Amino acid sequence: MDEDVTLVRVYFTEADVGLKKRLIDELVEILHQHAVGGATVFRGVSGYGGHGTAQADLLHLSGNLPLTLEFFAPPNWAETAIEAMRRHKPGLHVVSWRAAIRR
């Protein structure tokens, strides 16, 4: 039986900071608080955004590589988590879409 979920991706960089610590740590904490069962963070080797290039030279390890946080959850849980992350960090780049878990 299939289960409908919302798949969510959040885009930011290693250098992004939250209110008290690294943004990645604060976002993962928010997901825990909203009972999201799990999440994965991917580190990019290269990338660019609206403000230019994210420094991603592996020889110099700039500390500002692009990151993607990904998770899925039932649609109402995912939407609540997205809203909480956006309240925490306005302007956060979030993409989401409906998906199905095939069992």
PDB file of N, CA and C in Angstrom:
ATOM      1  N   MET A   1       0.839  -1.182   0.000  1.00  0.00           N
ATOM      2  CA  MET A   1       0.000   0.000   0.000  1.00  0.00           C
ATOM      3  C   MET A   1       0.885   1.248   0.000  1.00  0.00           C
ATOM      4  N   ASP A   2       0.551   2.211  -0.830  1.00  0.00           N
ATOM      5  CA  ASP A   2       1.319   3.457  -0.919  1.00  0.00           C
ATOM      6  C   ASP A   2       0.919   4.423   0.196  1.00  0.00           C
ATOM      7  N   GLU A   3       1.896   5.222   0.597  1.00  0.00           N
ATOM      8  CA  GLU A   3       1.642   6.262   1.598  1.00  0.00           C
ATOM      9  C   GLU A   3       1.999   7.600   0.987  1.00  0.00           C
ATOM     10  N   ASP A   4       1.072   8.549   0.972  1.00  0.00           N
ATOM     11  CA  ASP A   4       1.336   9.883   0.446  1.00  0.00           C
ATOM     12  C   ASP A   4       2.158  10.680   1.446  1.00  0.00           C
ATOM     13  N   VAL A   5       3.205  11.318   0.941  1.00  0.00           N
ATOM     14  CA  VAL A   5       4.076  12.150   1.763  1.00  0.00           C
ATOM     15  C   VAL A   5       4.409  13.422   0.990  1.00  0.00           C
ATOM     16  N   THR A   6       5.012  14.364   1.670  1.00  0.00           N
ATOM     17  CA  THR A   6       5.585  15.542   1.030  1.00  0.00           C
ATOM     18  C   THR A   6       7.091  15.440   1.186  1.00  0.00           C
ATOM     19  N   LEU A   7       7.798  15.545   0.072  1.00  0.00           N
ATOM     20  CA  LEU A   7       9.261  15.526   0.062  1.00  0.00           C
ATOM     21  C   LEU A   7       9.722  16.978   0.069  1.00  0.00           C
ATOM     22  N   VAL A   8      10.651  17.308   0.955  1.00  0.00           N
ATOM     23  CA  VAL A   8      11.069  18.695   1.153  1.00  0.00           C
ATOM     24  C   VAL A   8      12.585  18.801   0.999  1.00  0.00           C
ATOM     25  N   ARG A   9      13.029  19.825   0.292  1.00  0.00           N
ATOM     26  CA  ARG A   9      14.451  20.163   0.193  1.00  0.00           C
ATOM     27  C   ARG A   9      14.640  21.613   0.603  1.00  0.00           C
ATOM     28  N   VAL A  10      15.663  21.837   1.404  1.00  0.00           N
ATOM     29  CA  VAL A  10      16.005  23.174   1.875  1.00  0.00           C
ATOM     30  C   VAL A  10      17.438  23.446   1.436  1.00  0.00           C
ATOM     31  N   TYR A  11      17.657  24.582   0.768  1.00  0.00           N
ATOM     32  CA  TYR A  11      18.970  24.927   0.229  1.00  0.00           C
ATOM     33  C   TYR A  11      19.589  26.084   1.016  1.00  0.00           C
ATOM     34  N   PHE A  12      20.852  25.929   1.401  1.00  0.00           N
ATOM     35  CA  PHE A  12      21.586  26.972   2.115  1.00  0.00           C
ATOM     36  C   PHE A  12      23.064  26.642   2.015  1.00  0.00           C
ATOM     37  N   THR A  13      23.920  27.292   2.795  1.00  0.00           N
ATOM     38  CA  THR A  13      25.363  27.010   2.757  1.00  0.00           C
ATOM     39  C   THR A  13      25.891  26.728   4.156  1.00  0.00           C
ATOM     40  N   GLU A  14      27.089  26.185   4.212  1.00  0.00           N
ATOM     41  CA  GLU A  14      27.727  25.890   5.498  1.00  0.00           C
ATOM     42  C   GLU A  14      27.907  27.141   6.353  1.00  0.00           C
ATOM     43  N   ALA A  15      28.109  28.274   5.708  1.00  0.00           N
ATOM     44  CA  ALA A  15      28.392  29.517   6.429  1.00  0.00           C
ATOM     45  C   ALA A  15      27.136  30.180   6.996  1.00  0.00           C
ATOM     46  N   ASP A  16      25.953  29.713   6.603  1.00  0.00           N
ATOM     47  CA  ASP A  16      24.722  30.330   7.108  1.00  0.00           C
ATOM     48  C   ASP A  16      24.581  30.092   8.609  1.00  0.00           C
ATOM     49  N   VAL A  17      24.231  31.150   9.308  1.00  0.00           N
ATOM     50  CA  VAL A  17      24.085  31.052  10.760  1.00  0.00           C
ATOM     51  C   VAL A  17      22.633  31.240  11.157  1.00  0.00           C
ATOM     52  N   GLY A  18      22.280  30.620  12.259  1.00  0.00           N
ATOM     53  CA  GLY A  18      20.941  30.766  12.815  1.00  0.00           C
ATOM     54  C   GLY A  18      20.948  31.837  13.883  1.00  0.00           C
ATOM     55  N   LEU A  19      20.061  31.700  14.844  1.00  0.00           N
ATOM     56  CA  LEU A  19      19.968  32.693  15.908  1.00  0.00           C
ATOM     57  C   LEU A  19      21.085  32.544  16.937  1.00  0.00           C
ATOM     58  N   LYS A  20      21.477  31.286  17.235  1.00  0.00           N
ATOM     59  CA  LYS A  20      22.486  31.054  18.267  1.00  0.00           C
ATOM     60  C   LYS A  20      23.634  30.164  17.817  1.00  0.00           C
ATOM     61  N   LYS A  21      23.439  29.404  16.724  1.00  0.00           N
ATOM     62  CA  LYS A  21      24.476  28.485  16.263  1.00  0.00           C
ATOM     63  C   LYS A  21      24.338  28.284  14.766  1.00  0.00           C
ATOM     64  N   ARG A  22      25.012  27.282  14.234  1.00  0.00           N
ATOM     65  CA  ARG A  22      24.940  27.029  12.794  1.00  0.00           C
ATOM     66  C   ARG A  22      23.493  26.765  12.383  1.00  0.00           C
ATOM     67  N   LEU A  23      23.117  27.286  11.210  1.00  0.00           N
ATOM     68  CA  LEU A  23      21.751  27.122  10.742  1.00  0.00           C
ATOM     69  C   LEU A  23      21.386  25.648  10.610  1.00  0.00           C
ATOM     70  N   ILE A  24      22.295  24.824  10.113  1.00  0.00           N
ATOM     71  CA  ILE A  24      21.992  23.401   9.944  1.00  0.00           C
ATOM     72  C   ILE A  24      21.567  22.775  11.274  1.00  0.00           C
ATOM     73  N   ASP A  25      22.258  23.102  12.340  1.00  0.00           N
ATOM     74  CA  ASP A  25      21.922  22.546  13.651  1.00  0.00           C
ATOM     75  C   ASP A  25      20.534  23.000  14.105  1.00  0.00           C
ATOM     76  N   GLU A  26      20.228  24.262  13.872  1.00  0.00           N
ATOM     77  CA  GLU A  26      18.924  24.775  14.280  1.00  0.00           C
ATOM     78  C   GLU A  26      17.795  24.180  13.445  1.00  0.00           C
ATOM     79  N   LEU A  27      18.017  23.982  12.145  1.00  0.00           N
ATOM     80  CA  LEU A  27      16.976  23.391  11.300  1.00  0.00           C
ATOM     81  C   LEU A  27      16.715  21.940  11.684  1.00  0.00           C
ATOM     82  N   VAL A  28      17.764  21.178  11.951  1.00  0.00           N
ATOM     83  CA  VAL A  28      17.583  19.784  12.371  1.00  0.00           C
ATOM     84  C   VAL A  28      16.828  19.740  13.703  1.00  0.00           C
ATOM     85  N   GLU A  29      17.129  20.664  14.585  1.00  0.00           N
ATOM     86  CA  GLU A  29      16.426  20.744  15.864  1.00  0.00           C
ATOM     87  C   GLU A  29      14.933  21.016  15.660  1.00  0.00           C
ATOM     88  N   ILE A  30      14.607  21.896  14.741  1.00  0.00           N
ATOM     89  CA  ILE A  30      13.209  22.193  14.430  1.00  0.00           C
ATOM     90  C   ILE A  30      12.503  20.938  13.918  1.00  0.00           C
ATOM     91  N   LEU A  31      13.169  20.171  13.055  1.00  0.00           N
ATOM     92  CA  LEU A  31      12.561  18.944  12.535  1.00  0.00           C
ATOM     93  C   LEU A  31      12.304  17.941  13.652  1.00  0.00           C
ATOM     94  N   HIS A  32      13.241  17.821  14.595  1.00  0.00           N
ATOM     95  CA  HIS A  32      13.027  16.946  15.760  1.00  0.00           C
ATOM     96  C   HIS A  32      11.797  17.395  16.547  1.00  0.00           C
ATOM     97  N   GLN A  33      11.681  18.692  16.766  1.00  0.00           N
ATOM     98  CA  GLN A  33      10.557  19.233  17.539  1.00  0.00           C
ATOM     99  C   GLN A  33       9.215  18.973  16.854  1.00  0.00           C
ATOM    100  N   HIS A  34       9.227  18.844  15.525  1.00  0.00           N
ATOM    101  CA  HIS A  34       7.993  18.629  14.774  1.00  0.00           C
ATOM    102  C   HIS A  34       7.806  17.165  14.379  1.00  0.00           C
ATOM    103  N   ALA A  35       8.487  16.274  15.087  1.00  0.00           N
ATOM    104  CA  ALA A  35       8.304  14.821  14.947  1.00  0.00           C
ATOM    105  C   ALA A  35       8.568  14.299  13.538  1.00  0.00           C
ATOM    106  N   VAL A  36       9.461  14.956  12.791  1.00  0.00           N
ATOM    107  CA  VAL A  36       9.866  14.425  11.493  1.00  0.00           C
ATOM    108  C   VAL A  36      10.781  13.243  11.769  1.00  0.00           C
ATOM    109  N   GLY A  37      10.491  12.103  11.155  1.00  0.00           N
ATOM    110  CA  GLY A  37      11.166  10.846  11.477  1.00  0.00           C
ATOM    111  C   GLY A  37      12.633  10.782  11.120  1.00  0.00           C
ATOM    112  N   GLY A  38      13.096  11.601  10.202  1.00  0.00           N
ATOM    113  CA  GLY A  38      14.502  11.588   9.823  1.00  0.00           C
ATOM    114  C   GLY A  38      14.761  12.610   8.742  1.00  0.00           C
ATOM    115  N   ALA A  39      16.019  12.975   8.596  1.00  0.00           N
ATOM    116  CA  ALA A  39      16.424  13.946   7.584  1.00  0.00           C
ATOM    117  C   ALA A  39      17.858  13.638   7.181  1.00  0.00           C
ATOM    118  N   THR A  40      18.227  14.088   5.997  1.00  0.00           N
ATOM    119  CA  THR A  40      19.585  13.903   5.505  1.00  0.00           C
ATOM    120  C   THR A  40      20.110  15.248   5.023  1.00  0.00           C
ATOM    121  N   VAL A  41      21.378  15.531   5.309  1.00  0.00           N
ATOM    122  CA  VAL A  41      22.026  16.736   4.819  1.00  0.00           C
ATOM    123  C   VAL A  41      23.075  16.312   3.795  1.00  0.00           C
ATOM    124  N   PHE A  42      23.005  16.925   2.619  1.00  0.00           N
ATOM    125  CA  PHE A  42      23.968  16.662   1.552  1.00  0.00           C
ATOM    126  C   PHE A  42      24.875  17.873   1.407  1.00  0.00           C
ATOM    127  N   ARG A  43      26.169  17.630   1.241  1.00  0.00           N
ATOM    128  CA  ARG A  43      27.130  18.710   1.019  1.00  0.00           C
ATOM    129  C   ARG A  43      27.505  18.695  -0.462  1.00  0.00           C
ATOM    130  N   GLY A  44      27.332  19.821  -1.107  1.00  0.00           N
ATOM    131  CA  GLY A  44      27.664  19.939  -2.525  1.00  0.00           C
ATOM    132  C   GLY A  44      29.142  20.173  -2.735  1.00  0.00           C
ATOM    133  N   VAL A  45      29.635  19.782  -3.874  1.00  0.00           N
ATOM    134  CA  VAL A  45      31.031  20.043  -4.208  1.00  0.00           C
ATOM    135  C   VAL A  45      31.157  21.321  -5.018  1.00  0.00           C
ATOM    136  N   SER A  46      30.042  21.806  -5.528  1.00  0.00           N
ATOM    137  CA  SER A  46      30.037  23.044  -6.279  1.00  0.00           C
ATOM    138  C   SER A  46      28.605  23.533  -6.377  1.00  0.00           C
ATOM    139  N   GLY A  47      28.456  24.830  -6.602  1.00  0.00           N
ATOM    140  CA  GLY A  47      27.120  25.363  -6.774  1.00  0.00           C
ATOM    141  C   GLY A  47      27.153  26.876  -6.810  1.00  0.00           C
ATOM    142  N   TYR A  48      26.043  27.450  -7.231  1.00  0.00           N
ATOM    143  CA  TYR A  48      25.920  28.900  -7.203  1.00  0.00           C
ATOM    144  C   TYR A  48      24.458  29.253  -7.005  1.00  0.00           C
ATOM    145  N   GLY A  49      24.233  30.454  -6.555  1.00  0.00           N
ATOM    146  CA  GLY A  49      22.879  30.920  -6.307  1.00  0.00           C
ATOM    147  C   GLY A  49      22.713  32.322  -6.839  1.00  0.00           C
ATOM    148  N   GLY A  50      21.702  32.994  -6.375  1.00  0.00           N
ATOM    149  CA  GLY A  50      21.375  34.323  -6.856  1.00  0.00           C
ATOM    150  C   GLY A  50      22.429  35.375  -6.574  1.00  0.00           C
ATOM    151  N   HIS A  51      23.288  35.122  -5.586  1.00  0.00           N
ATOM    152  CA  HIS A  51      24.297  36.114  -5.221  1.00  0.00           C
ATOM    153  C   HIS A  51      25.697  35.748  -5.698  1.00  0.00           C
ATOM    154  N   GLY A  52      25.822  34.765  -6.577  1.00  0.00           N
ATOM    155  CA  GLY A  52      27.143  34.412  -7.085  1.00  0.00           C
ATOM    156  C   GLY A  52      27.508  32.977  -6.794  1.00  0.00           C
ATOM    157  N   THR A  53      28.786  32.704  -6.818  1.00  0.00           N
ATOM    158  CA  THR A  53      29.277  31.342  -6.679  1.00  0.00           C
ATOM    159  C   THR A  53      29.537  31.000  -5.223  1.00  0.00           C
ATOM    160  N   ALA A  54      29.091  29.833  -4.809  1.00  0.00           N
ATOM    161  CA  ALA A  54      29.475  29.310  -3.502  1.00  0.00           C
ATOM    162  C   ALA A  54      30.872  28.733  -3.657  1.00  0.00           C
ATOM    163  N   GLN A  55      31.803  29.167  -2.863  1.00  0.00           N
ATOM    164  CA  GLN A  55      33.175  28.691  -2.973  1.00  0.00           C
ATOM    165  C   GLN A  55      33.224  27.213  -2.650  1.00  0.00           C
ATOM    166  N   ALA A  56      33.632  26.409  -3.605  1.00  0.00           N
ATOM    167  CA  ALA A  56      33.592  24.963  -3.406  1.00  0.00           C
ATOM    168  C   ALA A  56      34.848  24.305  -3.957  1.00  0.00           C
ATOM    169  N   ASP A  57      35.972  24.967  -3.853  1.00  0.00           N
ATOM    170  CA  ASP A  57      37.234  24.422  -4.308  1.00  0.00           C
ATOM    171  C   ASP A  57      37.724  23.424  -3.266  1.00  0.00           C
ATOM    172  N   LEU A  58      37.743  22.154  -3.608  1.00  0.00           N
ATOM    173  CA  LEU A  58      38.103  21.121  -2.640  1.00  0.00           C
ATOM    174  C   LEU A  58      39.543  21.234  -2.157  1.00  0.00           C
ATOM    175  N   LEU A  59      40.421  21.894  -2.921  1.00  0.00           N
ATOM    176  CA  LEU A  59      41.802  22.063  -2.481  1.00  0.00           C
ATOM    177  C   LEU A  59      41.914  23.082  -1.353  1.00  0.00           C
ATOM    178  N   HIS A  60      40.994  24.035  -1.317  1.00  0.00           N
ATOM    179  CA  HIS A  60      41.069  25.089  -0.312  1.00  0.00           C
ATOM    180  C   HIS A  60      40.013  24.954   0.780  1.00  0.00           C
ATOM    181  N   LEU A  61      39.045  24.091   0.591  1.00  0.00           N
ATOM    182  CA  LEU A  61      37.988  23.841   1.583  1.00  0.00           C
ATOM    183  C   LEU A  61      37.534  25.126   2.278  1.00  0.00           C
ATOM    184  N   SER A  62      36.779  25.899   1.572  1.00  0.00           N
ATOM    185  CA  SER A  62      36.405  27.232   2.023  1.00  0.00           C
ATOM    186  C   SER A  62      35.503  27.258   3.252  1.00  0.00           C
ATOM    187  N   GLY A  63      34.787  26.182   3.546  1.00  0.00           N
ATOM    188  CA  GLY A  63      33.852  26.211   4.656  1.00  0.00           C
ATOM    189  C   GLY A  63      32.535  26.850   4.294  1.00  0.00           C
ATOM    190  N   ASN A  64      32.308  27.091   3.006  1.00  0.00           N
ATOM    191  CA  ASN A  64      31.050  27.683   2.564  1.00  0.00           C
ATOM    192  C   ASN A  64      30.460  26.884   1.407  1.00  0.00           C
ATOM    193  N   LEU A  65      30.510  25.569   1.523  1.00  0.00           N
ATOM    194  CA  LEU A  65      29.953  24.715   0.484  1.00  0.00           C
ATOM    195  C   LEU A  65      28.433  24.739   0.553  1.00  0.00           C
ATOM    196  N   PRO A  66      27.774  24.494  -0.589  1.00  0.00           N
ATOM    197  CA  PRO A  66      26.314  24.432  -0.566  1.00  0.00           C
ATOM    198  C   PRO A  66      25.830  23.198   0.187  1.00  0.00           C
ATOM    199  N   LEU A  67      24.738  23.348   0.915  1.00  0.00           N
ATOM    200  CA  LEU A  67      24.124  22.242   1.648  1.00  0.00           C
ATOM    201  C   LEU A  67      22.675  22.087   1.208  1.00  0.00           C
ATOM    202  N   THR A  68      22.199  20.861   1.241  1.00  0.00           N
ATOM    203  CA  THR A  68      20.786  20.565   1.009  1.00  0.00           C
ATOM    204  C   THR A  68      20.303  19.688   2.151  1.00  0.00           C
ATOM    205  N   LEU A  69      19.252  20.109   2.812  1.00  0.00           N
ATOM    206  CA  LEU A  69      18.601  19.330   3.849  1.00  0.00           C
ATOM    207  C   LEU A  69      17.356  18.719   3.224  1.00  0.00           C
ATOM    208  N   GLU A  70      17.200  17.402   3.339  1.00  0.00           N
ATOM    209  CA  GLU A  70      16.064  16.734   2.712  1.00  0.00           C
ATOM    210  C   GLU A  70      15.349  15.853   3.723  1.00  0.00           C
ATOM    211  N   PHE A  71      14.025  15.869   3.665  1.00  0.00           N
ATOM    212  CA  PHE A  71      13.223  14.986   4.510  1.00  0.00           C
ATOM    213  C   PHE A  71      11.869  14.775   3.856  1.00  0.00           C
ATOM    214  N   PHE A  72      11.173  13.750   4.317  1.00  0.00           N
ATOM    215  CA  PHE A  72       9.783  13.570   3.901  1.00  0.00           C
ATOM    216  C   PHE A  72       8.949  13.259   5.127  1.00  0.00           C
ATOM    217  N   ALA A  73       7.679  13.611   5.032  1.00  0.00           N
ATOM    218  CA  ALA A  73       6.756  13.418   6.146  1.00  0.00           C
ATOM    219  C   ALA A  73       5.338  13.471   5.599  1.00  0.00           C
ATOM    220  N   PRO A  74       4.368  13.029   6.387  1.00  0.00           N
ATOM    221  CA  PRO A  74       2.979  13.212   5.969  1.00  0.00           C
ATOM    222  C   PRO A  74       2.747  14.690   5.639  1.00  0.00           C
ATOM    223  N   PRO A  75       1.909  14.986   4.648  1.00  0.00           N
ATOM    224  CA  PRO A  75       1.749  16.372   4.179  1.00  0.00           C
ATOM    225  C   PRO A  75       1.505  17.406   5.272  1.00  0.00           C
ATOM    226  N   ASN A  76       0.654  17.132   6.238  1.00  0.00           N
ATOM    227  CA  ASN A  76       0.380  18.131   7.281  1.00  0.00           C
ATOM    228  C   ASN A  76       1.595  18.344   8.190  1.00  0.00           C
ATOM    229  N   TRP A  77       2.343  17.283   8.490  1.00  0.00           N
ATOM    230  CA  TRP A  77       3.563  17.431   9.305  1.00  0.00           C
ATOM    231  C   TRP A  77       4.617  18.222   8.548  1.00  0.00           C
ATOM    232  N   ALA A  78       4.783  17.895   7.259  1.00  0.00           N
ATOM    233  CA  ALA A  78       5.795  18.590   6.444  1.00  0.00           C
ATOM    234  C   ALA A  78       5.479  20.077   6.366  1.00  0.00           C
ATOM    235  N   GLU A  79       4.216  20.419   6.142  1.00  0.00           N
ATOM    236  CA  GLU A  79       3.839  21.829   6.031  1.00  0.00           C
ATOM    237  C   GLU A  79       4.080  22.572   7.339  1.00  0.00           C
ATOM    238  N   THR A  80       3.778  21.942   8.453  1.00  0.00           N
ATOM    239  CA  THR A  80       4.028  22.558   9.759  1.00  0.00           C
ATOM    240  C   THR A  80       5.529  22.780   9.972  1.00  0.00           C
ATOM    241  N   ALA A  81       6.344  21.805   9.596  1.00  0.00           N
ATOM    242  CA  ALA A  81       7.803  21.936   9.735  1.00  0.00           C
ATOM    243  C   ALA A  81       8.339  23.035   8.820  1.00  0.00           C
ATOM    244  N   ILE A  82       7.836  23.103   7.589  1.00  0.00           N
ATOM    245  CA  ILE A  82       8.267  24.147   6.647  1.00  0.00           C
ATOM    246  C   ILE A  82       7.943  25.526   7.216  1.00  0.00           C
ATOM    247  N   GLU A  83       6.737  25.696   7.714  1.00  0.00           N
ATOM    248  CA  GLU A  83       6.342  26.983   8.295  1.00  0.00           C
ATOM    249  C   GLU A  83       7.237  27.360   9.470  1.00  0.00           C
ATOM    250  N   ALA A  84       7.571  26.389  10.313  1.00  0.00           N
ATOM    251  CA  ALA A  84       8.442  26.661  11.463  1.00  0.00           C
ATOM    252  C   ALA A  84       9.840  27.069  11.013  1.00  0.00           C
ATOM    253  N   MET A  85      10.369  26.393   9.993  1.00  0.00           N
ATOM    254  CA  MET A  85      11.706  26.748   9.487  1.00  0.00           C
ATOM    255  C   MET A  85      11.705  28.137   8.861  1.00  0.00           C
ATOM    256  N   ARG A  86      10.639  28.466   8.131  1.00  0.00           N
ATOM    257  CA  ARG A  86      10.554  29.794   7.506  1.00  0.00           C
ATOM    258  C   ARG A  86      10.385  30.903   8.535  1.00  0.00           C
ATOM    259  N   ARG A  87       9.659  30.627   9.610  1.00  0.00           N
ATOM    260  CA  ARG A  87       9.546  31.624  10.693  1.00  0.00           C
ATOM    261  C   ARG A  87      10.912  31.839  11.347  1.00  0.00           C
ATOM    262  N   HIS A  88      11.644  30.745  11.517  1.00  0.00           N
ATOM    263  CA  HIS A  88      12.954  30.796  12.153  1.00  0.00           C
ATOM    264  C   HIS A  88      13.972  31.546  11.297  1.00  0.00           C
ATOM    265  N   LYS A  89      13.933  31.304   9.978  1.00  0.00           N
ATOM    266  CA  LYS A  89      14.897  31.923   9.062  1.00  0.00           C
ATOM    267  C   LYS A  89      14.144  32.415   7.827  1.00  0.00           C
ATOM    268  N   PRO A  90      13.589  33.635   7.885  1.00  0.00           N
ATOM    269  CA  PRO A  90      12.888  34.174   6.716  1.00  0.00           C
ATOM    270  C   PRO A  90      13.801  34.182   5.485  1.00  0.00           C
ATOM    271  N   GLY A  91      13.213  33.926   4.328  1.00  0.00           N
ATOM    272  CA  GLY A  91      13.987  33.919   3.093  1.00  0.00           C
ATOM    273  C   GLY A  91      14.636  32.584   2.782  1.00  0.00           C
ATOM    274  N   LEU A  92      14.415  31.598   3.625  1.00  0.00           N
ATOM    275  CA  LEU A  92      14.973  30.272   3.409  1.00  0.00           C
ATOM    276  C   LEU A  92      14.446  29.693   2.095  1.00  0.00           C
ATOM    277  N   HIS A  93      15.321  29.053   1.323  1.00  0.00           N
ATOM    278  CA  HIS A  93      14.928  28.465   0.042  1.00  0.00           C
ATOM    279  C   HIS A  93      14.424  27.039   0.261  1.00  0.00           C
ATOM    280  N   VAL A  94      13.116  26.859   0.141  1.00  0.00           N
ATOM    281  CA  VAL A  94      12.475  25.568   0.389  1.00  0.00           C
ATOM    282  C   VAL A  94      11.704  25.148  -0.862  1.00  0.00           C
ATOM    283  N   VAL A  95      11.896  23.897  -1.261  1.00  0.00           N
ATOM    284  CA  VAL A  95      11.157  23.318  -2.376  1.00  0.00           C
ATOM    285  C   VAL A  95      10.480  22.064  -1.858  1.00  0.00           C
ATOM    286  N   SER A  96       9.218  21.854  -2.232  1.00  0.00           N
ATOM    287  CA  SER A  96       8.525  20.647  -1.776  1.00  0.00           C
ATOM    288  C   SER A  96       7.592  20.150  -2.865  1.00  0.00           C
ATOM    289  N   TRP A  97       7.302  18.857  -2.807  1.00  0.00           N
ATOM    290  CA  TRP A  97       6.370  18.256  -3.748  1.00  0.00           C
ATOM    291  C   TRP A  97       5.797  16.982  -3.147  1.00  0.00           C
ATOM    292  N   ARG A  98       4.653  16.593  -3.678  1.00  0.00           N
ATOM    293  CA  ARG A  98       3.992  15.366  -3.233  1.00  0.00           C
ATOM    294  C   ARG A  98       4.738  14.160  -3.784  1.00  0.00           C
ATOM    295  N   ALA A  99       4.813  13.119  -2.987  1.00  0.00           N
ATOM    296  CA  ALA A  99       5.469  11.883  -3.390  1.00  0.00           C
ATOM    297  C   ALA A  99       4.714  10.722  -2.733  1.00  0.00           C
ATOM    298  N   ALA A 100       5.107   9.521  -3.089  1.00  0.00           N
ATOM    299  CA  ALA A 100       4.480   8.342  -2.500  1.00  0.00           C
ATOM    300  C   ALA A 100       5.568   7.368  -2.062  1.00  0.00           C
ATOM    301  N   ILE A 101       5.384   6.812  -0.890  1.00  0.00           N
ATOM    302  CA  ILE A 101       6.259   5.740  -0.434  1.00  0.00           C
ATOM    303  C   ILE A 101       5.645   4.448  -0.939  1.00  0.00           C
ATOM    304  N   ARG A 102       6.383   3.718  -1.724  1.00  0.00           N
ATOM    305  CA  ARG A 102       5.903   2.444  -2.279  1.00  0.00           C
ATOM    306  C   ARG A 102       6.321   1.322  -1.351  1.00  0.00           C
ATOM    307  N   ARG A 103       5.365   0.621  -0.810  1.00  0.00           N
ATOM    308  CA  ARG A 103       5.669  -0.451   0.122  1.00  0.00           C
ATOM    309  C   ARG A 103       5.395  -1.796  -0.501  1.00  0.00           C
TER     310      ARG A 103
END
